[in-house]
Amino acid sequence: MRTHRSVAFALLLVAIFAASSKSFADGPVRVTTEANVVSIHEGSSPLLRYAYRSVPYKPCVQQLFTPGGVNVLRDSPADHKHHHALMYAVSVDGLNFWEEQKQPGRQMHKVFSDVTVSTQNDVPHGGFTEQLDWVNPETDELLLNESRTIAVYGQDDSGATLLSWQSSFTVPGKKESATLSGSHYFGLGMRFVETMDAGPQIRNSSGRPGEIVRGSERLVRARWCALAANADGKPVTVAMFCHPDNLRHPTHWFTMTAPFAYLSATMNLHREPLKITSDEPLRLRYAVALWDGSVEDSQIDRLYRRWVEDKPLTVVNSREQNHSMLYPSG
């Protein structure tokens, strides 16, 4: 009887451990989900760290690494605590989801509907799809639903780490519409490690400097925008891509170089608020590419065009099924 109880207890411990950390692997790319974060590795090298519960207002990519292992992202610096590395935020029906003062909106993690590793065009990738509720915390009103798919691609001949970000926004329940608005920098934004604030060089596919908004802040329309700087003494290049199928393409890129570096893909919402209706969701596709060292515009443009030619990523589990209840809210 004791033996049976010991075996049962051991099996229970194994089940508890498995529930707290799950890893999905298929070849060189591995995705690990834990109670607060999702991590993606290629072999022993980290590619991405995504926080979804330890951040109170919005899940975000906390760390993103070049092929050489250099992280370029900085989460919640003292000067702007609401800058969460790589994040997406706008205002919805007048409620601010970007700043985190005076009862801001909350993007609430609901569930990971898929976690996967697979191969696309002979390039391994790992990713996940997350369901989020955009909520007014004062009234508990659900303002917006989001389905967010993030994937990181393994090494190929581009020499870059490539992250794909896809978001689909729908109006929940009986609401007829939701209006997106906000400041000129609202959108998919990146805050960089502190050493990249010193003398960053910014360029874009249009070759134009763009309009001055204030200080070093500029807005420019282009297919892609890139920043080159030194990250902890190592030169890196970071480029953001906007898919031509996105509404209001080419995107309005917000850039600034002082007193710190920042880059975000916006939709010109400060001038043209956008209404999403219940019968027409908003779908957005972006990508972030990281290189070690300095790269030419032609190299950035080649990777951009290759990414555009790929089909939208559909995350389908290649190893295990039925992960719809993996770390739900509540």
Protein backbone atom coordinates (compact mmCIF):
# COMPACT_ATOMS: atom_id res chain seq x y z
CA MET A 1 0.00 0.00 0.00
CA ARG A 2 2.84 2.37 0.86
CA THR A 3 4.47 1.62 -2.48
CA HIS A 4 1.28 2.52 -4.33
CA ARG A 5 0.94 5.74 -2.36
CA SER A 6 4.58 6.63 -3.01
CA VAL A 7 4.15 6.08 -6.74
CA ALA A 8 0.94 8.13 -6.76
CA PHE A 9 2.64 10.95 -4.87
CA ALA A 10 5.60 10.91 -7.26
CA LEU A 11 3.26 11.09 -10.24
CA LEU A 12 1.47 14.04 -8.64
CA LEU A 13 4.77 15.91 -8.24
CA VAL A 14 5.61 15.26 -11.88
CA ALA A 15 2.21 16.61 -12.96
CA ILE A 16 2.63 19.75 -10.85
CA PHE A 17 6.09 20.37 -12.29
CA ALA A 18 4.85 19.85 -15.85
CA ALA A 19 2.02 22.32 -15.32
CA SER A 20 4.41 25.04 -14.14
CA SER A 21 6.83 24.81 -17.07
CA LYS A 22 6.22 23.34 -20.50
CA SER A 23 8.75 23.07 -23.30
CA PHE A 24 8.05 22.43 -26.98
CA ALA A 25 10.95 21.53 -29.22
CA ASP A 26 11.38 20.38 -32.80
CA GLY A 27 14.99 20.57 -33.95
CA PRO A 28 17.12 23.59 -33.01
CA VAL A 29 14.31 25.93 -31.78
CA ARG A 30 12.72 25.48 -28.35
CA VAL A 31 9.74 27.31 -26.78
CA THR A 32 9.37 27.20 -23.00
CA THR A 33 6.26 28.49 -21.22
CA GLU A 34 6.31 29.29 -17.53
CA ALA A 35 3.86 30.94 -15.15
CA ASN A 36 4.99 34.49 -16.05
CA VAL A 37 7.11 34.31 -19.21
CA VAL A 38 7.59 32.54 -22.52
CA SER A 39 11.18 31.97 -23.69
CA ILE A 40 12.40 30.98 -27.14
CA HIS A 41 15.88 29.54 -27.70
CA GLU A 42 17.81 28.29 -30.69
CA GLY A 43 20.01 25.57 -29.30
CA SER A 44 21.49 27.04 -26.12
CA SER A 45 21.21 30.64 -27.38
CA PRO A 46 18.32 32.83 -26.22
CA LEU A 47 16.20 34.53 -28.87
CA LEU A 48 13.28 36.06 -26.98
CA ARG A 49 11.75 36.52 -23.53
CA TYR A 50 8.06 37.49 -23.43
CA ALA A 51 6.41 38.58 -20.16
CA TYR A 52 2.65 38.15 -19.87
CA ARG A 53 1.78 38.06 -16.15
CA SER A 54 4.58 39.81 -14.26
CA VAL A 55 3.71 43.08 -16.05
CA PRO A 56 0.50 44.62 -14.66
CA TYR A 57 -0.67 46.64 -17.67
CA LYS A 58 0.54 45.09 -20.91
CA PRO A 59 2.33 41.90 -21.96
CA CYS A 60 5.52 42.67 -23.87
CA VAL A 61 8.71 41.28 -25.41
CA GLN A 62 11.16 42.02 -22.58
CA GLN A 63 14.28 40.77 -24.32
CA LEU A 64 15.22 40.18 -27.96
CA PHE A 65 18.66 38.96 -28.99
CA THR A 66 20.86 39.37 -32.04
CA PRO A 67 22.37 36.20 -33.57
CA GLY A 68 25.49 36.97 -31.51
CA GLY A 69 23.50 36.98 -28.28
CA VAL A 70 23.19 40.74 -27.66
CA ASN A 71 19.91 41.88 -26.09
CA VAL A 72 18.72 45.24 -27.46
CA LEU A 73 15.59 45.86 -25.34
CA ARG A 74 15.11 47.71 -22.06
CA ASP A 75 12.00 47.22 -19.93
CA SER A 76 10.48 49.92 -17.71
CA PRO A 77 13.42 52.35 -17.29
CA ALA A 78 13.28 54.89 -14.45
CA ASP A 79 12.64 57.85 -16.76
CA HIS A 80 9.60 56.22 -18.41
CA LYS A 81 8.36 53.26 -16.36
CA HIS A 82 5.61 52.59 -18.91
CA HIS A 83 8.13 51.87 -21.69
CA HIS A 84 7.99 48.09 -21.79
CA ALA A 85 10.74 47.05 -24.20
CA LEU A 86 8.78 45.96 -27.34
CA MET A 87 5.09 46.66 -26.71
CA TYR A 88 1.87 47.55 -28.51
CA ALA A 89 -0.42 50.21 -27.06
CA VAL A 90 -2.90 52.89 -28.19
CA SER A 91 -5.93 54.64 -26.69
CA VAL A 92 -9.28 52.87 -27.06
CA ASP A 93 -12.50 54.87 -26.74
CA GLY A 94 -10.49 57.61 -25.06
CA LEU A 95 -8.84 55.32 -22.48
CA ASN A 96 -5.03 55.44 -22.52
CA PHE A 97 -3.28 52.06 -22.72
CA TRP A 98 0.19 53.59 -23.28
CA GLU A 99 0.97 55.67 -20.19
CA GLU A 100 0.38 54.05 -16.81
CA GLN A 101 -1.07 56.89 -14.74
CA LYS A 102 -4.59 57.83 -13.62
CA GLN A 103 -6.21 54.42 -14.05
CA PRO A 104 -4.77 53.37 -17.43
CA GLY A 105 -6.26 50.63 -19.52
CA ARG A 106 -5.06 47.06 -19.01
CA GLN A 107 -4.23 44.44 -21.61
CA MET A 108 -5.17 41.27 -19.77
CA HIS A 109 -3.65 37.94 -20.78
CA LYS A 110 -6.38 35.33 -21.20
CA VAL A 111 -4.81 32.25 -22.70
CA PHE A 112 -2.19 30.93 -25.09
CA SER A 113 -4.25 29.22 -27.75
CA ASP A 114 -1.17 27.75 -29.45
CA VAL A 115 2.50 27.24 -28.67
CA THR A 116 4.59 25.77 -31.45
CA VAL A 117 7.88 25.02 -33.11
CA SER A 118 7.92 24.42 -36.83
CA THR A 119 9.70 25.17 -40.09
CA GLN A 120 8.68 27.71 -42.72
CA ASN A 121 10.59 27.98 -46.00
CA ASP A 122 13.27 25.70 -44.51
CA VAL A 123 13.82 28.13 -41.60
CA PRO A 124 12.93 26.90 -38.08
CA HIS A 125 10.81 29.14 -35.90
CA GLY A 126 9.16 29.10 -32.51
CA GLY A 127 6.10 31.08 -31.54
CA PHE A 128 2.77 31.37 -29.83
CA THR A 129 -0.68 32.90 -30.18
CA GLU A 130 -2.03 34.81 -27.20
CA GLN A 131 -5.58 36.00 -26.56
CA LEU A 132 -5.87 39.33 -24.71
CA ASP A 133 -8.71 41.49 -23.39
CA TRP A 134 -8.29 45.28 -23.45
CA VAL A 135 -10.19 46.36 -20.32
CA ASN A 136 -11.22 49.55 -18.53
CA PRO A 137 -10.20 48.65 -14.93
CA GLU A 138 -12.51 51.23 -13.37
CA THR A 139 -15.66 49.79 -14.92
CA ASP A 140 -14.46 46.29 -15.92
CA GLU A 141 -15.77 47.09 -19.41
CA LEU A 142 -14.24 45.04 -22.20
CA LEU A 143 -13.23 47.51 -24.92
CA LEU A 144 -11.31 45.37 -27.39
CA ASN A 145 -10.27 41.77 -28.08
CA GLU A 146 -6.84 40.98 -29.47
CA SER A 147 -5.38 37.80 -30.92
CA ARG A 148 -1.57 38.24 -30.96
CA THR A 149 0.82 35.88 -32.75
CA ILE A 150 4.55 36.26 -32.14
CA ALA A 151 7.24 34.09 -33.70
CA VAL A 152 11.02 34.21 -33.90
CA TYR A 153 12.86 32.66 -36.84
CA GLY A 154 16.13 30.79 -36.57
CA GLN A 155 19.26 31.45 -38.54
CA ASP A 156 19.32 31.66 -42.33
CA ASP A 157 21.45 33.45 -44.92
CA SER A 158 20.09 36.88 -43.91
CA GLY A 159 22.33 36.86 -40.83
CA ALA A 160 19.52 38.33 -38.72
CA THR A 161 17.21 37.42 -35.90
CA LEU A 162 13.70 38.00 -37.24
CA LEU A 163 10.62 38.47 -35.06
CA SER A 164 7.13 38.44 -36.56
CA TRP A 165 4.30 40.27 -34.74
CA GLN A 166 0.70 39.85 -35.91
CA SER A 167 -2.31 41.34 -34.13
CA SER A 168 -5.99 41.01 -34.95
CA PHE A 169 -8.35 43.37 -33.10
CA THR A 170 -12.09 42.76 -32.86
CA VAL A 171 -14.95 44.58 -31.18
CA PRO A 172 -16.30 42.45 -28.31
CA GLY A 173 -19.82 41.35 -27.51
CA LYS A 174 -22.64 43.72 -28.37
CA LYS A 175 -20.40 46.73 -28.96
CA GLU A 176 -20.83 48.17 -32.44
CA SER A 177 -17.44 49.86 -32.69
CA ALA A 178 -14.24 50.91 -30.93
CA THR A 179 -12.22 54.03 -31.74
CA LEU A 180 -8.42 53.97 -31.65
CA SER A 181 -6.58 57.24 -31.03
CA GLY A 182 -3.58 58.58 -29.12
CA SER A 183 -0.35 60.53 -29.29
CA HIS A 184 1.94 60.62 -32.31
CA TYR A 185 4.11 57.82 -30.90
CA PHE A 186 1.36 55.32 -30.03
CA GLY A 187 1.65 51.93 -31.76
CA LEU A 188 4.26 49.17 -31.74
CA GLY A 189 7.14 50.77 -29.84
CA MET A 190 10.70 49.80 -28.91
CA ARG A 191 12.80 51.10 -26.01
CA PHE A 192 16.46 50.16 -26.25
CA VAL A 193 19.19 49.30 -23.74
CA GLU A 194 20.78 52.39 -22.25
CA THR A 195 24.05 52.18 -24.18
CA MET A 196 22.10 52.48 -27.45
CA ASP A 197 20.93 55.97 -26.42
CA ALA A 198 24.38 57.35 -27.24
CA GLY A 199 24.56 58.58 -30.85
CA PRO A 200 22.08 56.25 -32.59
CA GLN A 201 21.90 56.52 -36.38
CA ILE A 202 18.43 56.28 -37.92
CA ARG A 203 17.51 55.66 -41.55
CA ASN A 204 14.52 54.41 -43.51
CA SER A 205 13.54 53.00 -46.89
CA SER A 206 12.35 56.39 -48.21
CA GLY A 207 15.66 58.12 -47.59
CA ARG A 208 13.80 61.16 -46.25
CA PRO A 209 14.38 62.63 -42.77
CA GLY A 210 10.66 63.21 -42.16
CA GLU A 211 8.85 66.02 -40.38
CA ILE A 212 10.08 67.39 -37.06
CA VAL A 213 7.49 67.04 -34.29
CA ARG A 214 9.49 68.37 -31.33
CA GLY A 215 13.14 68.21 -30.37
CA SER A 216 14.68 65.15 -32.01
CA GLU A 217 11.27 63.55 -32.61
CA ARG A 218 10.35 62.92 -36.22
CA LEU A 219 7.61 61.22 -38.23
CA VAL A 220 8.32 59.71 -41.63
CA ARG A 221 6.40 57.35 -43.91
CA ALA A 222 8.38 54.37 -45.21
CA ARG A 223 8.29 50.59 -45.67
CA TRP A 224 10.91 50.10 -42.97
CA CYS A 225 12.90 52.09 -40.46
CA ALA A 226 16.25 51.14 -38.90
CA LEU A 227 18.47 52.21 -36.03
CA ALA A 228 22.20 51.49 -35.68
CA ALA A 229 23.98 51.92 -32.34
CA ASN A 230 26.33 50.26 -29.86
CA ALA A 231 24.73 47.86 -27.41
CA ASP A 232 27.08 47.37 -24.46
CA GLY A 233 30.06 48.12 -26.69
CA LYS A 234 28.95 45.97 -29.61
CA PRO A 235 27.57 47.49 -32.83
CA VAL A 236 24.06 46.33 -33.75
CA THR A 237 21.41 47.23 -36.31
CA VAL A 238 17.68 47.05 -35.56
CA ALA A 239 15.05 47.38 -38.30
CA MET A 240 11.27 47.42 -38.05
CA PHE A 241 9.08 46.36 -40.99
CA CYS A 242 5.47 47.23 -41.79
CA HIS A 243 3.51 44.92 -44.08
CA PRO A 244 1.94 46.55 -47.18
CA ASP A 245 -1.41 44.95 -46.32
CA ASN A 246 -1.60 47.06 -43.16
CA LEU A 247 -4.11 49.87 -43.08
CA ARG A 248 -2.54 53.28 -43.81
CA HIS A 249 0.58 51.75 -45.34
CA PRO A 250 3.34 52.89 -45.59
CA THR A 251 3.40 53.36 -41.86
CA HIS A 252 4.19 56.57 -40.03
CA TRP A 253 7.45 55.82 -38.20
CA PHE A 254 8.08 57.74 -34.98
CA THR A 255 11.77 58.16 -34.14
CA MET A 256 13.77 60.02 -31.54
CA THR A 257 17.47 60.10 -30.67
CA ALA A 258 17.62 62.31 -27.56
CA PRO A 259 17.52 62.17 -24.61
CA PHE A 260 17.06 58.49 -25.44
CA ALA A 261 16.50 56.39 -28.55
CA TYR A 262 13.00 55.25 -29.47
CA LEU A 263 11.32 53.75 -32.51
CA SER A 264 7.66 52.95 -33.09
CA ALA A 265 5.31 52.02 -35.92
CA THR A 266 2.25 54.27 -35.72
CA MET A 267 -0.98 54.73 -37.66
CA ASN A 268 -1.15 58.56 -37.51
CA LEU A 269 -3.87 58.21 -34.86
CA HIS A 270 -3.15 61.66 -33.37
CA ARG A 271 -4.46 63.18 -36.58
CA GLU A 272 -6.80 60.47 -37.83
CA PRO A 273 -8.52 58.39 -35.14
CA LEU A 274 -9.57 54.98 -36.46
CA LYS A 275 -12.95 53.34 -35.88
CA ILE A 276 -13.09 49.53 -35.84
CA THR A 277 -16.55 48.10 -36.42
CA SER A 278 -17.98 44.80 -35.26
CA ASP A 279 -18.09 43.43 -38.81
CA GLU A 280 -14.59 44.54 -39.86
CA PRO A 281 -11.65 43.65 -37.56
CA LEU A 282 -8.28 45.38 -37.77
CA ARG A 283 -5.33 43.16 -38.73
CA LEU A 284 -1.73 44.36 -38.45
CA ARG A 285 1.55 42.67 -39.38
CA TYR A 286 4.99 43.92 -38.33
CA ALA A 287 8.47 42.46 -38.03
CA VAL A 288 11.68 43.31 -36.19
CA ALA A 289 15.08 42.30 -37.54
CA LEU A 290 18.35 42.36 -35.56
CA TRP A 291 21.88 42.15 -36.93
CA ASP A 292 25.25 42.13 -35.25
CA GLY A 293 27.28 45.01 -36.67
CA SER A 294 26.32 47.57 -39.29
CA VAL A 295 24.44 46.50 -42.42
CA GLU A 296 23.68 48.22 -45.72
CA ASP A 297 20.23 49.43 -46.72
CA SER A 298 20.20 46.85 -49.50
CA GLN A 299 20.60 44.03 -46.96
CA ILE A 300 17.70 45.38 -44.88
CA ASP A 301 15.57 45.78 -48.00
CA ARG A 302 16.24 42.20 -49.13
CA LEU A 303 15.06 40.78 -45.82
CA TYR A 304 12.03 43.10 -45.85
CA ARG A 305 11.00 41.90 -49.31
CA ARG A 306 11.50 38.26 -48.36
CA TRP A 307 9.33 38.75 -45.26
CA VAL A 308 6.59 40.45 -47.31
CA GLU A 309 6.52 37.57 -49.78
CA ASP A 310 5.93 35.02 -47.01
CA LYS A 311 2.37 34.04 -46.16
CA PRO A 312 0.93 35.24 -42.83
CA LEU A 313 2.12 32.96 -40.07
CA THR A 314 -0.47 30.53 -38.78
CA VAL A 315 0.69 28.98 -35.54
CA VAL A 316 -0.25 25.29 -35.50
CA ASN A 317 1.15 22.91 -32.96
CA SER A 318 3.60 20.55 -34.61
CA ARG A 319 4.21 18.32 -31.59
CA GLU A 320 1.29 18.53 -29.18
CA GLN A 321 -2.36 19.53 -29.42
CA ASN A 322 -4.97 21.04 -27.11
CA HIS A 323 -2.96 23.80 -25.47
CA SER A 324 -5.93 26.16 -25.45
CA MET A 325 -6.00 26.05 -21.67
CA LEU A 326 -2.26 26.62 -21.20
CA TYR A 327 -1.95 29.23 -18.43
CA PRO A 328 -5.38 30.89 -18.73
CA SER A 329 -6.21 34.01 -16.75
CA GLY A 330 -7.62 33.85 -13.27
